[in-house]
Amino acid sequence: MPDVEELFSRVMKKQIQSSRFIQVVSGIATDITEATCTVQREGSPDLTGVRLNAIDDEIEDQVTIYPKDKSHVVVGIMDGLKTEAVVLKCSEVENMRIKCGGVSFIDVLSSFITEVKNAIINTPAGAGTVSPATIQKLTAVEEDFKKIFK
């Protein structure tokens, strides 16, 4: 019969082998693309191909946050594999993309603003349109949203 120390040692080894450890590191985001970035770390090699989303497949429902170039990021490395790195947090955001059901938030917003700008307004005097001043304001709002969302 094995003694307690040997049994404990076997249980711990089995637990370690079956666990997925996550290493968390920090650095500076550079070379930001639609899906990845490079993370420069002080005193360690750069991490390349760091994902901005948890998975790298194109999915219908997602929120992607794009860190600002040269901003600080926190990166999770799964299973100790540098090829399995993902941005967990960033100090500054350049912009973001929201998709639900395969539909992009900014595309829906732009379509809505276009419809409002082209609206025909029924008045007692007949059909009218949106005023040029309102169209200008709507265009400015749309441009501001496009700075935030992709």
Protein backbone atom coordinates (compact mmCIF):
# COMPACT_ATOMS: atom_id res chain seq x y z
CA MET A 1 0.00 0.00 0.00
CA PRO A 2 1.45 3.38 -1.02
CA ASP A 3 2.20 5.86 1.70
CA VAL A 4 0.42 9.21 1.95
CA GLU A 5 3.33 11.20 0.49
CA GLU A 6 3.56 9.00 -2.63
CA LEU A 7 -0.21 9.09 -3.10
CA PHE A 8 -0.24 12.89 -2.74
CA SER A 9 2.61 13.18 -5.24
CA ARG A 10 0.74 11.05 -7.82
CA VAL A 11 -2.47 13.04 -7.37
CA MET A 12 -0.61 16.35 -7.79
CA LYS A 13 1.19 15.16 -10.95
CA LYS A 14 -2.10 14.04 -12.49
CA GLN A 15 -3.74 17.35 -11.56
CA ILE A 16 -0.88 19.35 -13.09
CA GLN A 17 -1.00 17.33 -16.33
CA SER A 18 -4.75 17.83 -16.74
CA SER A 19 -4.82 21.55 -15.90
CA ARG A 20 -4.72 24.40 -18.40
CA PHE A 21 -2.49 27.05 -16.91
CA ILE A 22 -2.83 30.62 -18.04
CA GLN A 23 0.11 32.96 -17.89
CA VAL A 24 -0.68 36.67 -17.77
CA VAL A 25 1.86 39.19 -19.09
CA SER A 26 1.82 42.86 -19.99
CA GLY A 27 3.39 44.94 -22.72
CA ILE A 28 2.88 47.55 -25.42
CA ALA A 29 0.54 46.89 -28.38
CA THR A 30 1.94 47.57 -31.87
CA ASP A 31 1.25 46.43 -35.44
CA ILE A 32 -2.50 46.20 -34.82
CA THR A 33 -4.50 44.50 -37.59
CA GLU A 34 -8.14 43.45 -37.92
CA ALA A 35 -7.54 40.34 -35.81
CA THR A 36 -4.13 40.49 -34.10
CA CYS A 37 -1.37 42.67 -32.74
CA THR A 38 2.23 42.41 -31.61
CA VAL A 39 3.00 42.93 -27.92
CA GLN A 40 6.41 44.30 -27.02
CA ARG A 41 7.57 43.19 -23.58
CA GLU A 42 10.38 44.69 -21.57
CA GLY A 43 13.22 42.20 -21.14
CA SER A 44 11.38 39.46 -23.08
CA PRO A 45 10.83 38.62 -26.75
CA ASP A 46 7.89 40.25 -28.54
CA LEU A 47 4.68 38.26 -28.77
CA THR A 48 3.45 38.25 -32.37
CA GLY A 49 0.03 37.23 -33.62
CA VAL A 50 -1.67 38.03 -30.32
CA ARG A 51 -5.40 37.68 -30.95
CA LEU A 52 -7.82 40.51 -30.25
CA ASN A 53 -10.67 38.00 -29.78
CA ALA A 54 -10.67 34.79 -27.79
CA ILE A 55 -10.98 32.74 -30.98
CA ASP A 56 -9.67 33.58 -34.41
CA ASP A 57 -12.69 32.33 -36.38
CA GLU A 58 -15.13 34.76 -37.99
CA ILE A 59 -18.24 34.55 -35.82
CA GLU A 60 -21.65 36.21 -36.06
CA ASP A 61 -21.74 37.64 -32.54
CA GLN A 62 -18.66 39.42 -31.27
CA VAL A 63 -17.20 42.51 -29.71
CA THR A 64 -13.67 43.34 -30.82
CA ILE A 65 -11.74 46.05 -29.01
CA TYR A 66 -8.78 47.51 -30.90
CA PRO A 67 -6.07 48.84 -28.61
CA LYS A 68 -4.53 52.17 -29.49
CA ASP A 69 -1.06 51.84 -31.00
CA LYS A 70 1.62 51.95 -28.28
CA SER A 71 -0.96 51.48 -25.48
CA HIS A 72 -0.42 49.11 -22.57
CA VAL A 73 -2.12 45.72 -22.82
CA VAL A 74 -2.56 42.70 -20.60
CA VAL A 75 -2.24 39.39 -22.44
CA GLY A 76 -3.31 35.90 -21.42
CA ILE A 77 -1.23 32.96 -22.66
CA MET A 78 -3.08 29.66 -22.52
CA ASP A 79 -1.34 26.33 -21.98
CA GLY A 80 2.01 28.12 -21.90
CA LEU A 81 1.92 28.43 -25.71
CA LYS A 82 2.84 31.86 -27.03
CA THR A 83 0.77 31.00 -30.12
CA GLU A 84 -2.30 30.92 -27.86
CA ALA A 85 -2.12 34.53 -26.66
CA VAL A 86 -5.08 36.91 -26.47
CA VAL A 87 -5.44 40.54 -25.37
CA LEU A 88 -7.41 40.62 -22.13
CA LYS A 89 -7.31 44.34 -21.36
CA CYS A 90 -5.94 47.56 -22.84
CA SER A 91 -5.20 50.98 -21.38
CA GLU A 92 -6.42 52.92 -24.43
CA VAL A 93 -8.96 51.99 -27.10
CA GLU A 94 -8.60 53.07 -30.74
CA ASN A 95 -12.06 51.79 -31.70
CA MET A 96 -14.28 48.74 -31.49
CA ARG A 97 -16.50 46.50 -33.60
CA ILE A 98 -19.82 45.10 -32.45
CA LYS A 99 -21.61 42.40 -34.43
CA CYS A 100 -24.81 40.61 -33.45
CA GLY A 101 -26.38 38.00 -35.69
CA GLY A 102 -23.75 38.83 -38.30
CA VAL A 103 -24.91 42.45 -38.44
CA SER A 104 -22.44 45.23 -37.70
CA PHE A 105 -23.56 47.97 -35.32
CA ILE A 106 -21.98 50.77 -37.38
CA ASP A 107 -23.57 49.46 -40.61
CA VAL A 108 -27.02 49.52 -39.01
CA LEU A 109 -26.44 52.98 -37.56
CA SER A 110 -25.21 54.35 -40.90
CA SER A 111 -28.24 52.89 -42.70
CA PHE A 112 -30.57 54.42 -40.12
CA ILE A 113 -28.97 57.86 -40.45
CA THR A 114 -29.16 57.64 -44.25
CA GLU A 115 -32.87 56.81 -44.04
CA VAL A 116 -33.52 59.74 -41.71
CA LYS A 117 -31.56 62.13 -43.95
CA ASN A 118 -33.60 60.97 -46.97
CA ALA A 119 -36.93 60.95 -45.15
CA ILE A 120 -39.98 62.50 -46.72
CA ILE A 121 -41.98 64.40 -44.14
CA ASN A 122 -45.69 64.83 -44.64
CA THR A 123 -46.89 68.28 -43.68
CA PRO A 124 -50.19 70.13 -44.21
CA ALA A 125 -48.44 71.97 -47.06
CA GLY A 126 -47.40 68.69 -48.71
CA ALA A 127 -44.29 66.50 -48.75
CA GLY A 128 -41.11 67.96 -47.33
CA THR A 129 -37.59 66.82 -46.58
CA VAL A 130 -35.17 67.00 -43.69
CA SER A 131 -33.53 70.42 -43.44
CA PRO A 132 -29.94 70.83 -44.66
CA ALA A 133 -28.88 71.87 -41.13
CA THR A 134 -30.29 68.64 -39.68
CA ILE A 135 -28.62 66.59 -42.43
CA GLN A 136 -25.31 68.27 -41.53
CA LYS A 137 -25.77 67.41 -37.85
CA LEU A 138 -26.70 63.80 -38.64
CA THR A 139 -23.62 63.46 -40.87
CA ALA A 140 -21.42 64.81 -38.06
CA VAL A 141 -22.94 62.32 -35.59
CA GLU A 142 -22.37 59.47 -38.05
CA GLU A 143 -18.71 60.48 -38.52
CA ASP A 144 -18.23 60.58 -34.73
CA PHE A 145 -19.67 57.08 -34.41
CA LYS A 146 -17.33 55.86 -37.16
CA LYS A 147 -14.37 57.12 -35.10
CA ILE A 148 -15.49 54.87 -32.25
CA PHE A 149 -16.87 51.85 -34.10
CA LYS A 150 -15.60 49.89 -37.08
